[in-house]
Each structure stands twice: as structure tokens, then as C-alpha cells.
């Protein structure tokens, strides 16, 4: 897998960073209310993860 922006190795890698997926689209703080500035009116959190390496091979 290759990506020009997201790196798994090197100085600016994403290992150890968190990821949250919301139910709705983020309004980028343009919703003119407090929730917009806090969470982008993106709705409920439906999934989260910490990006990391594993020695095991997981299959579904």
C-alpha cells in the first residue's frame, strides 16, 4: 500500500495517532454555534482506533 500523504514510517508517521469516525459530515466550524466549533456538528462517534503495528496477522 502506498500513499503520498499518510506515512507509516519516517519522521511524520501516523503510528500512535488516534482516529475517530463520526456519523455525519464535519461542517469545519462554520455552523455558527458552539457545537460546530467543538466537534464540527459531526454527530455521534461511531468508531475509534489508535493506529499501530501488530506482530500477528489478523484475518476476518
N, C-alpha and C. Protein backbone atom coordinates (compact mmCIF):
# COMPACT_ATOMS: atom_id res chain seq x y z
N UNK A 1 0.86 -1.17 0.00
CA UNK A 1 0.00 0.00 0.00
C UNK A 1 0.90 1.23 0.00
N UNK A 2 0.51 2.25 -0.76
CA UNK A 2 1.30 3.47 -0.86
C UNK A 2 0.40 4.69 -0.85
N UNK A 3 0.84 5.73 -0.15
CA UNK A 3 0.10 6.99 -0.10
C UNK A 3 1.10 8.12 -0.05
N UNK A 4 0.85 9.20 -0.79
CA UNK A 4 1.76 10.35 -0.82
C UNK A 4 1.71 11.20 0.43
N UNK A 5 0.62 11.12 1.21
CA UNK A 5 0.44 12.00 2.37
C UNK A 5 0.60 11.26 3.69
N UNK A 6 -0.07 10.14 3.83
CA UNK A 6 -0.06 9.38 5.09
C UNK A 6 1.12 8.41 5.08
N UNK A 7 1.97 8.49 6.10
CA UNK A 7 3.15 7.64 6.18
C UNK A 7 3.09 6.74 7.40
N UNK A 8 3.54 5.48 7.24
CA UNK A 8 3.64 4.56 8.36
C UNK A 8 5.06 4.51 8.91
N UNK A 9 6.02 5.07 8.20
CA UNK A 9 7.42 5.11 8.62
C UNK A 9 7.93 6.53 8.45
N UNK A 10 9.01 6.84 9.14
CA UNK A 10 9.65 8.14 8.97
C UNK A 10 9.26 9.14 10.04
N UNK A 11 9.78 10.34 9.89
CA UNK A 11 9.65 11.39 10.89
C UNK A 11 8.19 11.80 11.15
N UNK A 12 7.38 11.90 10.15
CA UNK A 12 5.99 12.38 10.30
C UNK A 12 4.98 11.24 10.12
N UNK A 13 5.25 10.08 10.69
CA UNK A 13 4.35 8.95 10.52
C UNK A 13 3.11 9.08 11.41
N UNK A 14 2.12 8.23 11.15
CA UNK A 14 0.85 8.30 11.88
C UNK A 14 0.73 7.24 12.98
N UNK A 15 1.78 6.46 13.21
CA UNK A 15 1.74 5.43 14.24
C UNK A 15 1.55 6.08 15.61
N UNK A 16 0.60 5.57 16.39
CA UNK A 16 0.31 6.11 17.71
C UNK A 16 -0.74 7.20 17.71
N UNK A 17 -1.19 7.61 16.56
CA UNK A 17 -2.23 8.65 16.48
C UNK A 17 -3.61 8.02 16.56
N UNK A 18 -4.57 8.82 16.98
CA UNK A 18 -5.95 8.36 17.10
C UNK A 18 -6.78 8.72 15.89
N UNK A 19 -7.85 7.96 15.71
CA UNK A 19 -8.78 8.18 14.61
C UNK A 19 -10.19 8.03 15.15
N UNK A 20 -11.05 8.99 14.87
CA UNK A 20 -12.45 8.93 15.28
C UNK A 20 -13.31 9.12 14.04
N UNK A 21 -14.29 8.24 13.87
CA UNK A 21 -15.24 8.35 12.76
C UNK A 21 -16.58 8.77 13.33
N UNK A 22 -17.12 9.85 12.79
CA UNK A 22 -18.41 10.38 13.24
C UNK A 22 -19.51 9.98 12.26
N UNK A 23 -20.75 10.03 12.73
CA UNK A 23 -21.91 9.63 11.92
C UNK A 23 -22.22 10.61 10.79
N UNK A 24 -21.90 11.88 10.98
CA UNK A 24 -22.27 12.90 10.00
C UNK A 24 -21.03 13.62 9.47
N UNK A 25 -21.25 14.48 8.49
CA UNK A 25 -20.17 15.27 7.89
C UNK A 25 -19.79 16.44 8.79
N UNK A 26 -18.49 16.68 8.92
CA UNK A 26 -17.97 17.81 9.70
C UNK A 26 -18.23 19.11 8.94
N UNK A 27 -18.77 20.12 9.62
CA UNK A 27 -19.03 21.41 8.96
C UNK A 27 -17.84 22.36 9.05
N UNK A 28 -16.70 21.86 9.52
CA UNK A 28 -15.44 22.61 9.60
C UNK A 28 -15.55 23.88 10.45
N UNK A 29 -16.42 23.86 11.45
CA UNK A 29 -16.56 25.00 12.35
C UNK A 29 -17.35 26.16 11.79
N UNK A 30 -18.06 25.94 10.69
CA UNK A 30 -18.81 27.02 10.04
C UNK A 30 -20.30 27.00 10.36
N UNK A 31 -20.71 26.24 11.38
CA UNK A 31 -22.13 26.10 11.70
C UNK A 31 -22.72 27.19 12.56
N UNK A 32 -21.93 28.19 12.93
CA UNK A 32 -22.40 29.32 13.74
C UNK A 32 -23.04 28.92 15.06
N UNK A 33 -22.50 27.89 15.72
CA UNK A 33 -22.93 27.53 17.07
C UNK A 33 -21.76 26.88 17.81
N UNK A 34 -21.92 26.71 19.13
CA UNK A 34 -20.83 26.17 19.95
C UNK A 34 -20.43 24.76 19.54
N UNK A 35 -21.40 23.91 19.20
CA UNK A 35 -21.08 22.53 18.81
C UNK A 35 -20.24 22.50 17.54
N UNK A 36 -20.47 23.43 16.66
CA UNK A 36 -19.71 23.50 15.42
C UNK A 36 -18.23 23.72 15.70
N UNK A 37 -17.93 24.60 16.63
CA UNK A 37 -16.53 24.87 16.98
C UNK A 37 -15.93 23.73 17.80
N UNK A 38 -16.73 23.01 18.55
CA UNK A 38 -16.24 21.92 19.39
C UNK A 38 -16.00 20.64 18.59
N UNK A 39 -16.98 20.24 17.79
CA UNK A 39 -16.87 18.95 17.09
C UNK A 39 -17.35 18.99 15.64
N UNK A 40 -17.56 20.16 15.10
CA UNK A 40 -17.95 20.30 13.70
C UNK A 40 -19.36 19.82 13.38
N UNK A 41 -20.19 19.69 14.42
CA UNK A 41 -21.56 19.16 14.23
C UNK A 41 -21.53 17.83 13.47
N UNK A 42 -20.53 17.01 13.75
CA UNK A 42 -20.33 15.77 13.01
C UNK A 42 -21.15 14.60 13.55
N UNK A 43 -21.94 14.82 14.56
CA UNK A 43 -22.80 13.76 15.07
C UNK A 43 -22.09 12.83 16.05
N UNK A 44 -22.74 11.70 16.31
CA UNK A 44 -22.21 10.72 17.27
C UNK A 44 -20.91 10.11 16.77
N UNK A 45 -20.08 9.72 17.74
CA UNK A 45 -18.87 8.97 17.41
C UNK A 45 -19.29 7.52 17.20
N UNK A 46 -18.98 6.97 16.04
CA UNK A 46 -19.41 5.61 15.75
C UNK A 46 -18.26 4.60 15.74
N UNK A 47 -17.01 5.09 15.69
CA UNK A 47 -15.85 4.19 15.74
C UNK A 47 -14.62 5.00 16.13
N UNK A 48 -13.67 4.31 16.77
CA UNK A 48 -12.40 4.96 17.09
C UNK A 48 -11.30 3.92 17.09
N UNK A 49 -10.07 4.38 16.94
CA UNK A 49 -8.93 3.46 16.90
C UNK A 49 -7.65 4.23 17.17
N UNK A 50 -6.63 3.49 17.60
CA UNK A 50 -5.27 4.01 17.67
C UNK A 50 -4.48 3.23 16.62
N UNK A 51 -3.77 3.93 15.77
CA UNK A 51 -3.04 3.31 14.68
C UNK A 51 -1.73 2.75 15.20
N UNK A 52 -1.46 1.48 14.90
CA UNK A 52 -0.25 0.85 15.38
C UNK A 52 0.13 -0.36 14.56
N UNK A 53 1.23 -0.99 14.92
CA UNK A 53 1.70 -2.21 14.28
C UNK A 53 1.31 -3.40 15.12
N UNK A 54 1.18 -4.56 14.49
CA UNK A 54 0.94 -5.81 15.19
C UNK A 54 1.87 -6.88 14.62
N UNK A 55 2.39 -7.73 15.49
CA UNK A 55 3.22 -8.84 15.03
C UNK A 55 2.36 -9.96 14.46
N UNK A 56 1.09 -10.02 14.85
CA UNK A 56 0.18 -11.06 14.39
C UNK A 56 -0.46 -10.67 13.07
N UNK A 57 -0.83 -11.66 12.29
CA UNK A 57 -1.59 -11.44 11.07
C UNK A 57 -3.04 -11.74 11.37
N UNK A 58 -3.88 -10.72 11.37
CA UNK A 58 -5.29 -10.90 11.66
C UNK A 58 -6.05 -11.10 10.36
N UNK A 59 -6.96 -12.07 10.35
CA UNK A 59 -7.81 -12.28 9.19
C UNK A 59 -9.26 -12.28 9.64
N UNK A 60 -10.12 -11.87 8.75
CA UNK A 60 -11.55 -11.83 9.06
C UNK A 60 -12.27 -12.92 8.32
